Amino acid sequence: MKKKRVFLTRTLHDFALKELKKKYQIEIHSGKIPIPRKKLYFKIEEIDGLICFPYDVIDSELIDRAKNLKVISTYSVGFDHIDTEHAKKKKDSRWLYSQSTY
């Protein structure tokens, strides 16, 4: 069975990456932080999961392009950088998870 594709807008701790790689095909943005919007604009179209950070704005335009996206996970206390209301309106299931960093 083909692994689901998960994109990280920057890297995580080694132990977290090791666990993710057991179940998912992982790709990590390694360039300028925050990820340039144009890169995320095209990347989001082909992924099943997104792990982002507070400086990554995930708005309705990006969510609409995300044809296969099932999960938006953010490595932050809050998720005000994600248009959660728009994500909830999509006909397929999408959910959000906030990882506390304290």
PDB file of N, CA and C in Angstrom:
ATOM      1  N   MET A   1       0.840  -1.184   0.000  1.00  0.00           N
ATOM      2  CA  MET A   1       0.000   0.000   0.000  1.00  0.00           C
ATOM      3  C   MET A   1       0.885   1.247   0.000  1.00  0.00           C
ATOM      4  N   LYS A   2       0.527   2.185  -0.826  1.00  0.00           N
ATOM      5  CA  LYS A   2       1.289   3.424  -0.942  1.00  0.00           C
ATOM      6  C   LYS A   2       1.109   4.285   0.307  1.00  0.00           C
ATOM      7  N   LYS A   3       2.206   4.823   0.812  1.00  0.00           N
ATOM      8  CA  LYS A   3       2.151   5.681   1.992  1.00  0.00           C
ATOM      9  C   LYS A   3       1.560   7.037   1.637  1.00  0.00           C
ATOM     10  N   LYS A   4       0.804   7.595   2.567  1.00  0.00           N
ATOM     11  CA  LYS A   4       0.267   8.952   2.409  1.00  0.00           C
ATOM     12  C   LYS A   4       1.419   9.946   2.469  1.00  0.00           C
ATOM     13  N   ARG A   5       1.280  11.038   1.734  1.00  0.00           N
ATOM     14  CA  ARG A   5       2.330  12.068   1.666  1.00  0.00           C
ATOM     15  C   ARG A   5       2.055  13.176   2.668  1.00  0.00           C
ATOM     16  N   VAL A   6       3.063  13.461   3.493  1.00  0.00           N
ATOM     17  CA  VAL A   6       2.973  14.525   4.489  1.00  0.00           C
ATOM     18  C   VAL A   6       4.101  15.511   4.235  1.00  0.00           C
ATOM     19  N   PHE A   7       3.744  16.783   4.204  1.00  0.00           N
ATOM     20  CA  PHE A   7       4.711  17.849   3.968  1.00  0.00           C
ATOM     21  C   PHE A   7       4.879  18.672   5.235  1.00  0.00           C
ATOM     22  N   LEU A   8       6.129  18.918   5.614  1.00  0.00           N
ATOM     23  CA  LEU A   8       6.458  19.753   6.768  1.00  0.00           C
ATOM     24  C   LEU A   8       7.060  21.052   6.269  1.00  0.00           C
ATOM     25  N   THR A   9       6.578  22.174   6.783  1.00  0.00           N
ATOM     26  CA  THR A   9       7.098  23.460   6.332  1.00  0.00           C
ATOM     27  C   THR A   9       8.462  23.771   6.953  1.00  0.00           C
ATOM     28  N   ARG A  10       8.872  23.003   7.915  1.00  0.00           N
ATOM     29  CA  ARG A  10      10.239  22.993   8.441  1.00  0.00           C
ATOM     30  C   ARG A  10      10.415  21.703   9.228  1.00  0.00           C
ATOM     31  N   THR A  11      11.630  21.399   9.622  1.00  0.00           N
ATOM     32  CA  THR A  11      11.897  20.115  10.258  1.00  0.00           C
ATOM     33  C   THR A  11      11.415  20.068  11.711  1.00  0.00           C
ATOM     34  N   LEU A  12      11.276  18.855  12.212  1.00  0.00           N
ATOM     35  CA  LEU A  12      10.935  18.590  13.606  1.00  0.00           C
ATOM     36  C   LEU A  12      12.111  17.870  14.259  1.00  0.00           C
ATOM     37  N   HIS A  13      11.975  17.550  15.527  1.00  0.00           N
ATOM     38  CA  HIS A  13      13.000  16.776  16.228  1.00  0.00           C
ATOM     39  C   HIS A  13      13.155  15.405  15.573  1.00  0.00           C
ATOM     40  N   ASP A  14      14.354  14.864  15.653  1.00  0.00           N
ATOM     41  CA  ASP A  14      14.646  13.572  15.021  1.00  0.00           C
ATOM     42  C   ASP A  14      13.690  12.468  15.452  1.00  0.00           C
ATOM     43  N   PHE A  15      13.359  12.403  16.748  1.00  0.00           N
ATOM     44  CA  PHE A  15      12.481  11.333  17.229  1.00  0.00           C
ATOM     45  C   PHE A  15      11.088  11.438  16.595  1.00  0.00           C
ATOM     46  N   ALA A  16      10.611  12.643  16.368  1.00  0.00           N
ATOM     47  CA  ALA A  16       9.297  12.836  15.749  1.00  0.00           C
ATOM     48  C   ALA A  16       9.345  12.440  14.268  1.00  0.00           C
ATOM     49  N   LEU A  17      10.400  12.829  13.586  1.00  0.00           N
ATOM     50  CA  LEU A  17      10.546  12.460  12.172  1.00  0.00           C
ATOM     51  C   LEU A  17      10.633  10.952  12.003  1.00  0.00           C
ATOM     52  N   LYS A  18      11.353  10.304  12.891  1.00  0.00           N
ATOM     53  CA  LYS A  18      11.505   8.845  12.836  1.00  0.00           C
ATOM     54  C   LYS A  18      10.131   8.166  12.920  1.00  0.00           C
ATOM     55  N   GLU A  19       9.292   8.642  13.833  1.00  0.00           N
ATOM     56  CA  GLU A  19       7.952   8.074  13.980  1.00  0.00           C
ATOM     57  C   GLU A  19       7.090   8.354  12.758  1.00  0.00           C
ATOM     58  N   LEU A  20       7.125   9.559  12.248  1.00  0.00           N
ATOM     59  CA  LEU A  20       6.345   9.904  11.062  1.00  0.00           C
ATOM     60  C   LEU A  20       6.741   9.055   9.854  1.00  0.00           C
ATOM     61  N   LYS A  21       8.039   8.837   9.693  1.00  0.00           N
ATOM     62  CA  LYS A  21       8.531   8.083   8.534  1.00  0.00           C
ATOM     63  C   LYS A  21       8.108   6.620   8.554  1.00  0.00           C
ATOM     64  N   LYS A  22       7.724   6.108   9.698  1.00  0.00           N
ATOM     65  CA  LYS A  22       7.252   4.724   9.782  1.00  0.00           C
ATOM     66  C   LYS A  22       5.944   4.535   9.020  1.00  0.00           C
ATOM     67  N   LYS A  23       5.121   5.559   8.978  1.00  0.00           N
ATOM     68  CA  LYS A  23       3.788   5.434   8.373  1.00  0.00           C
ATOM     69  C   LYS A  23       3.553   6.304   7.151  1.00  0.00           C
ATOM     70  N   TYR A  24       4.377   7.344   6.981  1.00  0.00           N
ATOM     71  CA  TYR A  24       4.113   8.318   5.920  1.00  0.00           C
ATOM     72  C   TYR A  24       5.343   8.599   5.076  1.00  0.00           C
ATOM     73  N   GLN A  25       5.093   9.034   3.863  1.00  0.00           N
ATOM     74  CA  GLN A  25       6.156   9.539   3.005  1.00  0.00           C
ATOM     75  C   GLN A  25       6.324  11.006   3.371  1.00  0.00           C
ATOM     76  N   ILE A  26       7.472  11.354   3.915  1.00  0.00           N
ATOM     77  CA  ILE A  26       7.708  12.692   4.462  1.00  0.00           C
ATOM     78  C   ILE A  26       8.552  13.528   3.506  1.00  0.00           C
ATOM     79  N   GLU A  27       8.154  14.779   3.353  1.00  0.00           N
ATOM     80  CA  GLU A  27       8.972  15.762   2.645  1.00  0.00           C
ATOM     81  C   GLU A  27       9.066  16.998   3.528  1.00  0.00           C
ATOM     82  N   ILE A  28      10.273  17.527   3.674  1.00  0.00           N
ATOM     83  CA  ILE A  28      10.512  18.662   4.560  1.00  0.00           C
ATOM     84  C   ILE A  28      11.055  19.834   3.756  1.00  0.00           C
ATOM     85  N   HIS A  29      10.423  20.976   3.908  1.00  0.00           N
ATOM     86  CA  HIS A  29      10.937  22.195   3.287  1.00  0.00           C
ATOM     87  C   HIS A  29      12.259  22.547   3.966  1.00  0.00           C
ATOM     88  N   SER A  30      13.283  22.798   3.178  1.00  0.00           N
ATOM     89  CA  SER A  30      14.603  23.072   3.760  1.00  0.00           C
ATOM     90  C   SER A  30      15.143  24.448   3.391  1.00  0.00           C
ATOM     91  N   GLY A  31      14.343  25.234   2.757  1.00  0.00           N
ATOM     92  CA  GLY A  31      14.801  26.558   2.336  1.00  0.00           C
ATOM     93  C   GLY A  31      14.432  27.640   3.324  1.00  0.00           C
ATOM     94  N   LYS A  32      14.193  28.803   2.785  1.00  0.00           N
ATOM     95  CA  LYS A  32      13.870  29.992   3.563  1.00  0.00           C
ATOM     96  C   LYS A  32      12.652  29.756   4.469  1.00  0.00           C
ATOM     97  N   ILE A  33      12.756  30.287   5.695  1.00  0.00           N
ATOM     98  CA  ILE A  33      11.662  30.206   6.662  1.00  0.00           C
ATOM     99  C   ILE A  33      11.105  31.621   6.838  1.00  0.00           C
ATOM    100  N   PRO A  34       9.812  31.827   6.736  1.00  0.00           N
ATOM    101  CA  PRO A  34       8.803  30.830   6.426  1.00  0.00           C
ATOM    102  C   PRO A  34       8.867  30.399   4.962  1.00  0.00           C
ATOM    103  N   ILE A  35       8.247  29.269   4.691  1.00  0.00           N
ATOM    104  CA  ILE A  35       8.226  28.752   3.324  1.00  0.00           C
ATOM    105  C   ILE A  35       7.612  29.814   2.409  1.00  0.00           C
ATOM    106  N   PRO A  36       8.214  30.060   1.268  1.00  0.00           N
ATOM    107  CA  PRO A  36       7.610  31.017   0.329  1.00  0.00           C
ATOM    108  C   PRO A  36       6.197  30.562  -0.073  1.00  0.00           C
ATOM    109  N   ARG A  37       5.274  31.483  -0.082  1.00  0.00           N
ATOM    110  CA  ARG A  37       3.881  31.160  -0.376  1.00  0.00           C
ATOM    111  C   ARG A  37       3.730  30.435  -1.714  1.00  0.00           C
ATOM    112  N   LYS A  38       4.480  30.864  -2.710  1.00  0.00           N
ATOM    113  CA  LYS A  38       4.377  30.246  -4.039  1.00  0.00           C
ATOM    114  C   LYS A  38       4.720  28.759  -3.981  1.00  0.00           C
ATOM    115  N   LYS A  39       5.729  28.394  -3.207  1.00  0.00           N
ATOM    116  CA  LYS A  39       6.101  26.975  -3.084  1.00  0.00           C
ATOM    117  C   LYS A  39       4.985  26.199  -2.399  1.00  0.00           C
ATOM    118  N   LEU A  40       4.456  26.731  -1.298  1.00  0.00           N
ATOM    119  CA  LEU A  40       3.376  26.049  -0.586  1.00  0.00           C
ATOM    120  C   LEU A  40       2.114  25.985  -1.447  1.00  0.00           C
ATOM    121  N   TYR A  41       1.874  27.012  -2.234  1.00  0.00           N
ATOM    122  CA  TYR A  41       0.716  27.075  -3.126  1.00  0.00           C
ATOM    123  C   TYR A  41       0.690  25.874  -4.076  1.00  0.00           C
ATOM    124  N   PHE A  42       1.830  25.510  -4.625  1.00  0.00           N
ATOM    125  CA  PHE A  42       1.890  24.379  -5.544  1.00  0.00           C
ATOM    126  C   PHE A  42       2.034  23.045  -4.808  1.00  0.00           C
ATOM    127  N   LYS A  43       2.742  23.035  -3.710  1.00  0.00           N
ATOM    128  CA  LYS A  43       2.978  21.802  -2.956  1.00  0.00           C
ATOM    129  C   LYS A  43       1.690  21.266  -2.335  1.00  0.00           C
ATOM    130  N   ILE A  44       0.833  22.135  -1.833  1.00  0.00           N
ATOM    131  CA  ILE A  44      -0.356  21.714  -1.085  1.00  0.00           C
ATOM    132  C   ILE A  44      -1.336  20.924  -1.958  1.00  0.00           C
ATOM    133  N   GLU A  45      -1.224  21.083  -3.251  1.00  0.00           N
ATOM    134  CA  GLU A  45      -2.123  20.398  -4.174  1.00  0.00           C
ATOM    135  C   GLU A  45      -1.895  18.880  -4.203  1.00  0.00           C
ATOM    136  N   GLU A  46      -0.708  18.439  -3.843  1.00  0.00           N
ATOM    137  CA  GLU A  46      -0.352  17.027  -4.017  1.00  0.00           C
ATOM    138  C   GLU A  46      -0.149  16.250  -2.718  1.00  0.00           C
ATOM    139  N   ILE A  47      -0.447  16.841  -1.566  1.00  0.00           N
ATOM    140  CA  ILE A  47      -0.156  16.174  -0.300  1.00  0.00           C
ATOM    141  C   ILE A  47      -1.429  15.731   0.422  1.00  0.00           C
ATOM    142  N   ASP A  48      -1.258  14.763   1.328  1.00  0.00           N
ATOM    143  CA  ASP A  48      -2.365  14.256   2.142  1.00  0.00           C
ATOM    144  C   ASP A  48      -2.393  14.888   3.523  1.00  0.00           C
ATOM    145  N   GLY A  49      -1.231  15.319   4.008  1.00  0.00           N
ATOM    146  CA  GLY A  49      -1.137  15.928   5.323  1.00  0.00           C
ATOM    147  C   GLY A  49      -0.147  17.079   5.319  1.00  0.00           C
ATOM    148  N   LEU A  50      -0.404  18.067   6.160  1.00  0.00           N
ATOM    149  CA  LEU A  50       0.457  19.238   6.267  1.00  0.00           C
ATOM    150  C   LEU A  50       0.789  19.477   7.731  1.00  0.00           C
ATOM    151  N   ILE A  51       2.067  19.614   8.032  1.00  0.00           N
ATOM    152  CA  ILE A  51       2.511  20.039   9.352  1.00  0.00           C
ATOM    153  C   ILE A  51       3.139  21.406   9.164  1.00  0.00           C
ATOM    154  N   CYS A  52       2.503  22.420   9.768  1.00  0.00           N
ATOM    155  CA  CYS A  52       2.940  23.793   9.583  1.00  0.00           C
ATOM    156  C   CYS A  52       3.287  24.433  10.922  1.00  0.00           C
ATOM    157  N   PHE A  53       3.689  25.671  10.872  1.00  0.00           N
ATOM    158  CA  PHE A  53       4.109  26.431  12.044  1.00  0.00           C
ATOM    159  C   PHE A  53       3.356  27.758  12.059  1.00  0.00           C
ATOM    160  N   PRO A  54       3.395  28.513  13.177  1.00  0.00           N
ATOM    161  CA  PRO A  54       2.576  29.724  13.310  1.00  0.00           C
ATOM    162  C   PRO A  54       2.815  30.795  12.250  1.00  0.00           C
ATOM    163  N   TYR A  55       3.970  30.820  11.658  1.00  0.00           N
ATOM    164  CA  TYR A  55       4.263  31.851  10.657  1.00  0.00           C
ATOM    165  C   TYR A  55       3.825  31.432   9.253  1.00  0.00           C
ATOM    166  N   ASP A  56       3.260  30.234   9.114  1.00  0.00           N
ATOM    167  CA  ASP A  56       2.716  29.762   7.842  1.00  0.00           C
ATOM    168  C   ASP A  56       1.226  30.086   7.812  1.00  0.00           C
ATOM    169  N   VAL A  57       0.821  30.957   6.913  1.00  0.00           N
ATOM    170  CA  VAL A  57      -0.591  31.325   6.803  1.00  0.00           C
ATOM    171  C   VAL A  57      -1.284  30.336   5.876  1.00  0.00           C
ATOM    172  N   ILE A  58      -2.224  29.578   6.444  1.00  0.00           N
ATOM    173  CA  ILE A  58      -2.986  28.594   5.674  1.00  0.00           C
ATOM    174  C   ILE A  58      -4.395  29.169   5.522  1.00  0.00           C
ATOM    175  N   ASP A  59      -4.602  29.860   4.420  1.00  0.00           N
ATOM    176  CA  ASP A  59      -5.864  30.562   4.199  1.00  0.00           C
ATOM    177  C   ASP A  59      -6.780  29.784   3.254  1.00  0.00           C
ATOM    178  N   SER A  60      -7.928  30.371   2.955  1.00  0.00           N
ATOM    179  CA  SER A  60      -8.920  29.693   2.114  1.00  0.00           C
ATOM    180  C   SER A  60      -8.380  29.364   0.725  1.00  0.00           C
ATOM    181  N   GLU A  61      -7.551  30.217   0.173  1.00  0.00           N
ATOM    182  CA  GLU A  61      -6.988  29.958  -1.154  1.00  0.00           C
ATOM    183  C   GLU A  61      -6.145  28.681  -1.148  1.00  0.00           C
ATOM    184  N   LEU A  62      -5.318  28.504  -0.144  1.00  0.00           N
ATOM    185  CA  LEU A  62      -4.503  27.285  -0.048  1.00  0.00           C
ATOM    186  C   LEU A  62      -5.378  26.068   0.225  1.00  0.00           C
ATOM    187  N   ILE A  63      -6.322  26.211   1.126  1.00  0.00           N
ATOM    188  CA  ILE A  63      -7.200  25.085   1.466  1.00  0.00           C
ATOM    189  C   ILE A  63      -7.976  24.618   0.239  1.00  0.00           C
ATOM    190  N   ASP A  64      -8.429  25.539  -0.598  1.00  0.00           N
ATOM    191  CA  ASP A  64      -9.158  25.177  -1.813  1.00  0.00           C
ATOM    192  C   ASP A  64      -8.281  24.415  -2.808  1.00  0.00           C
ATOM    193  N   ARG A  65      -7.004  24.668  -2.829  1.00  0.00           N
ATOM    194  CA  ARG A  65      -6.080  23.971  -3.738  1.00  0.00           C
ATOM    195  C   ARG A  65      -5.746  22.563  -3.252  1.00  0.00           C
ATOM    196  N   ALA A  66      -5.981  22.302  -1.989  1.00  0.00           N
ATOM    197  CA  ALA A  66      -5.569  21.047  -1.358  1.00  0.00           C
ATOM    198  C   ALA A  66      -6.560  19.931  -1.675  1.00  0.00           C
ATOM    199  N   LYS A  67      -6.424  19.340  -2.827  1.00  0.00           N
ATOM    200  CA  LYS A  67      -7.378  18.344  -3.301  1.00  0.00           C
ATOM    201  C   LYS A  67      -7.358  17.047  -2.481  1.00  0.00           C
ATOM    202  N   ASN A  68      -6.203  16.661  -1.965  1.00  0.00           N
ATOM    203  CA  ASN A  68      -6.070  15.398  -1.231  1.00  0.00           C
ATOM    204  C   ASN A  68      -5.883  15.586   0.268  1.00  0.00           C
ATOM    205  N   LEU A  69      -5.777  16.809   0.716  1.00  0.00           N
ATOM    206  CA  LEU A  69      -5.435  17.093   2.108  1.00  0.00           C
ATOM    207  C   LEU A  69      -6.500  16.582   3.071  1.00  0.00           C
ATOM    208  N   LYS A  70      -6.065  15.815   4.066  1.00  0.00           N
ATOM    209  CA  LYS A  70      -6.957  15.285   5.093  1.00  0.00           C
ATOM    210  C   LYS A  70      -6.650  15.865   6.468  1.00  0.00           C
ATOM    211  N   VAL A  71      -5.404  16.277   6.676  1.00  0.00           N
ATOM    212  CA  VAL A  71      -4.981  16.738   7.999  1.00  0.00           C
ATOM    213  C   VAL A  71      -4.134  17.998   7.873  1.00  0.00           C
ATOM    214  N   ILE A  72      -4.450  18.984   8.701  1.00  0.00           N
ATOM    215  CA  ILE A  72      -3.589  20.148   8.883  1.00  0.00           C
ATOM    216  C   ILE A  72      -3.173  20.126  10.347  1.00  0.00           C
ATOM    217  N   SER A  73      -1.901  19.956  10.589  1.00  0.00           N
ATOM    218  CA  SER A  73      -1.377  19.921  11.946  1.00  0.00           C
ATOM    219  C   SER A  73      -0.442  21.104  12.126  1.00  0.00           C
ATOM    220  N   THR A  74      -0.541  21.767  13.259  1.00  0.00           N
ATOM    221  CA  THR A  74       0.316  22.909  13.497  1.00  0.00           C
ATOM    222  C   THR A  74       1.122  22.716  14.763  1.00  0.00           C
ATOM    223  N   TYR A  75       2.385  23.040  14.689  1.00  0.00           N
ATOM    224  CA  TYR A  75       3.282  22.913  15.827  1.00  0.00           C
ATOM    225  C   TYR A  75       3.280  24.243  16.564  1.00  0.00           C
ATOM    226  N   SER A  76       2.188  24.466  17.299  1.00  0.00           N
ATOM    227  CA  SER A  76       2.016  25.725  18.028  1.00  0.00           C
ATOM    228  C   SER A  76       0.937  25.544  19.080  1.00  0.00           C
ATOM    229  N   VAL A  77       0.783  26.522  19.931  1.00  0.00           N
ATOM    230  CA  VAL A  77      -0.257  26.485  20.953  1.00  0.00           C
ATOM    231  C   VAL A  77      -1.617  26.787  20.330  1.00  0.00           C
ATOM    232  N   GLY A  78      -1.684  27.754  19.430  1.00  0.00           N
ATOM    233  CA  GLY A  78      -2.944  28.121  18.790  1.00  0.00           C
ATOM    234  C   GLY A  78      -2.925  27.819  17.309  1.00  0.00           C
ATOM    235  N   PHE A  79      -4.032  28.132  16.646  1.00  0.00           N
ATOM    236  CA  PHE A  79      -4.098  27.915  15.200  1.00  0.00           C
ATOM    237  C   PHE A  79      -4.805  29.061  14.485  1.00  0.00           C
ATOM    238  N   ASP A  80      -4.559  30.288  14.947  1.00  0.00           N
ATOM    239  CA  ASP A  80      -5.179  31.446  14.313  1.00  0.00           C
ATOM    240  C   ASP A  80      -4.571  31.766  12.948  1.00  0.00           C
ATOM    241  N   HIS A  81      -3.502  31.095  12.567  1.00  0.00           N
ATOM    242  CA  HIS A  81      -2.886  31.270  11.249  1.00  0.00           C
ATOM    243  C   HIS A  81      -3.505  30.347  10.198  1.00  0.00           C
ATOM    244  N   ILE A  82      -4.501  29.573  10.618  1.00  0.00           N
ATOM    245  CA  ILE A  82      -5.199  28.643   9.727  1.00  0.00           C
ATOM    246  C   ILE A  82      -6.659  29.074   9.646  1.00  0.00           C
ATOM    247  N   ASP A  83      -7.192  29.154   8.439  1.00  0.00           N
ATOM    248  CA  ASP A  83      -8.604  29.504   8.259  1.00  0.00           C
ATOM    249  C   ASP A  83      -9.447  28.273   8.576  1.00  0.00           C
ATOM    250  N   THR A  84      -9.674  28.052   9.862  1.00  0.00           N
ATOM    251  CA  THR A  84     -10.388  26.853  10.309  1.00  0.00           C
ATOM    252  C   THR A  84     -11.847  26.849   9.851  1.00  0.00           C
ATOM    253  N   GLU A  85     -12.461  28.004   9.801  1.00  0.00           N
ATOM    254  CA  GLU A  85     -13.862  28.079   9.364  1.00  0.00           C
ATOM    255  C   GLU A  85     -13.998  27.619   7.916  1.00  0.00           C
ATOM    256  N   HIS A  86     -13.085  28.037   7.075  1.00  0.00           N
ATOM    257  CA  HIS A  86     -13.130  27.613   5.670  1.00  0.00           C
ATOM    258  C   HIS A  86     -12.838  26.116   5.556  1.00  0.00           C
ATOM    259  N   ALA A  87     -11.894  25.627   6.324  1.00  0.00           N
ATOM    260  CA  ALA A  87     -11.559  24.199   6.289  1.00  0.00           C
ATOM    261  C   ALA A  87     -12.771  23.352   6.694  1.00  0.00           C
ATOM    262  N   LYS A  88     -13.528  23.815   7.667  1.00  0.00           N
ATOM    263  CA  LYS A  88     -14.709  23.077   8.127  1.00  0.00           C
ATOM    264  C   LYS A  88     -15.806  23.005   7.061  1.00  0.00           C
ATOM    265  N   LYS A  89     -15.837  23.959   6.149  1.00  0.00           N
ATOM    266  CA  LYS A  89     -16.872  24.007   5.116  1.00  0.00           C
ATOM    267  C   LYS A  89     -16.627  23.023   3.974  1.00  0.00           C
ATOM    268  N   LYS A  90     -15.429  22.510   3.874  1.00  0.00           N
ATOM    269  CA  LYS A  90     -15.112  21.598   2.775  1.00  0.00           C
ATOM    270  C   LYS A  90     -15.913  20.311   2.928  1.00  0.00           C
ATOM    271  N   LYS A  91     -16.333  19.733   1.807  1.00  0.00           N
ATOM    272  CA  LYS A  91     -17.215  18.564   1.878  1.00  0.00           C
ATOM    273  C   LYS A  91     -16.513  17.308   2.392  1.00  0.00           C
ATOM    274  N   ASP A  92     -15.220  17.201   2.160  1.00  0.00           N
ATOM    275  CA  ASP A  92     -14.508  16.029   2.681  1.00  0.00           C
ATOM    276  C   ASP A  92     -13.971  16.356   4.072  1.00  0.00           C
ATOM    277  N   SER A  93     -13.644  15.329   4.797  1.00  0.00           N
ATOM    278  CA  SER A  93     -13.229  15.495   6.192  1.00  0.00           C
ATOM    279  C   SER A  93     -11.829  16.086   6.294  1.00  0.00           C
ATOM    280  N   ARG A  94     -11.728  17.159   7.028  1.00  0.00           N
ATOM    281  CA  ARG A  94     -10.446  17.768   7.356  1.00  0.00           C
ATOM    282  C   ARG A  94     -10.493  18.120   8.819  1.00  0.00           C
ATOM    283  N   TRP A  95      -9.407  17.905   9.503  1.00  0.00           N
ATOM    284  CA  TRP A  95      -9.390  18.256  10.907  1.00  0.00           C
ATOM    285  C   TRP A  95      -8.087  18.898  11.277  1.00  0.00           C
ATOM    286  N   LEU A  96      -8.082  19.563  12.405  1.00  0.00           N
ATOM    287  CA  LEU A  96      -6.937  20.342  12.852  1.00  0.00           C
ATOM    288  C   LEU A  96      -6.452  19.822  14.189  1.00  0.00           C
ATOM    289  N   TYR A  97      -5.167  19.892  14.401  1.00  0.00           N
ATOM    290  CA  TYR A  97      -4.573  19.454  15.659  1.00  0.00           C
ATOM    291  C   TYR A  97      -3.514  20.458  16.048  1.00  0.00           C
ATOM    292  N   SER A  98      -3.570  20.931  17.253  1.00  0.00           N
ATOM    293  CA  SER A  98      -2.597  21.909  17.723  1.00  0.00           C
ATOM    294  C   SER A  98      -1.661  21.245  18.720  1.00  0.00           C
ATOM    295  N   GLN A  99      -0.396  21.275  18.453  1.00  0.00           N
ATOM    296  CA  GLN A  99       0.617  20.684  19.327  1.00  0.00           C
ATOM    297  C   GLN A  99       1.184  21.764  20.229  1.00  0.00           C
ATOM    298  N   SER A 100       0.973  21.635  21.507  1.00  0.00           N
ATOM    299  CA  SER A 100       1.499  22.593  22.460  1.00  0.00           C
ATOM    300  C   SER A 100       3.012  22.473  22.543  1.00  0.00           C
ATOM    301  N   THR A 101       3.690  23.609  22.609  1.00  0.00           N
ATOM    302  CA  THR A 101       5.155  23.594  22.626  1.00  0.00           C
ATOM    303  C   THR A 101       5.733  23.969  23.972  1.00  0.00           C
ATOM    304  N   TYR A 102       4.928  24.094  24.999  1.00  0.00           N
ATOM    305  CA  TYR A 102       5.469  24.457  26.300  1.00  0.00           C
ATOM    306  C   TYR A 102       5.711  23.253  27.177  1.00  0.00           C
TER     307      TYR A 102
END
